[in-house]
Protein backbone atom coordinates (compact mmCIF):
# COMPACT_ATOMS: atom_id res chain seq x y z
CA UNK A 1 17.62 10.74 -21.59
CA UNK A 2 17.35 11.70 -25.09
CA UNK A 3 14.67 14.19 -24.89
CA UNK A 4 16.50 15.92 -21.73
CA UNK A 5 19.66 15.90 -23.64
CA UNK A 6 18.04 18.01 -26.52
CA UNK A 7 16.09 20.32 -23.99
CA UNK A 8 19.47 20.79 -22.42
CA UNK A 9 21.26 21.55 -25.56
CA UNK A 10 23.66 18.17 -25.34
CA UNK A 11 24.41 15.61 -27.79
CA UNK A 12 23.36 11.94 -26.17
CA UNK A 13 24.70 8.51 -27.30
CA UNK A 14 24.12 5.09 -26.13
CA UNK A 15 26.16 2.16 -26.23
CA UNK A 16 25.35 -1.26 -25.50
CA UNK A 17 27.25 -4.72 -25.09
CA UNK A 18 25.63 -7.85 -26.12
CA UNK A 19 25.48 -10.28 -23.12
CA UNK A 20 22.61 -12.49 -24.23
CA UNK A 21 21.06 -14.45 -26.89
CA UNK A 22 17.71 -15.27 -25.46
CA UNK A 23 16.54 -17.00 -28.47
CA UNK A 24 19.39 -19.33 -28.41
CA UNK A 25 19.41 -19.28 -24.80
CA UNK A 26 23.42 -18.54 -24.62
CA UNK A 27 24.75 -16.05 -22.40
CA UNK A 28 28.23 -14.39 -21.77
CA UNK A 29 29.61 -16.24 -18.60
CA UNK A 30 31.63 -13.15 -17.62
CA UNK A 31 29.42 -10.36 -18.81
CA UNK A 32 31.14 -7.96 -16.31
CA UNK A 33 34.32 -8.56 -18.21
CA UNK A 34 32.53 -7.46 -21.52
CA UNK A 35 31.06 -4.41 -19.92
CA UNK A 36 34.67 -3.12 -18.55
CA UNK A 37 35.96 -3.61 -22.28
CA UNK A 38 33.12 -1.60 -23.51
CA UNK A 39 33.87 1.02 -21.03
CA UNK A 40 37.40 1.07 -21.55
CA UNK A 41 37.24 1.15 -25.51
CA UNK A 42 34.57 4.00 -25.38
CA UNK A 43 37.00 6.25 -22.93
CA UNK A 44 39.79 5.34 -24.86
CA UNK A 45 38.43 6.61 -27.90
CA UNK A 46 36.47 9.68 -26.47
CA UNK A 47 40.08 11.05 -25.48
CA UNK A 48 42.02 10.46 -28.72
């Protein structure tokens, strides 16, 4: 994605949400809610 963005002259970005700690074997019980919140937060910041 970054290479393609560079070739096309675009700025690229990756934003991730942490849904698991594999070392501790802990997982988010409702990861979809965390992903939805991340998407909404990013979109809100982009329009400001």
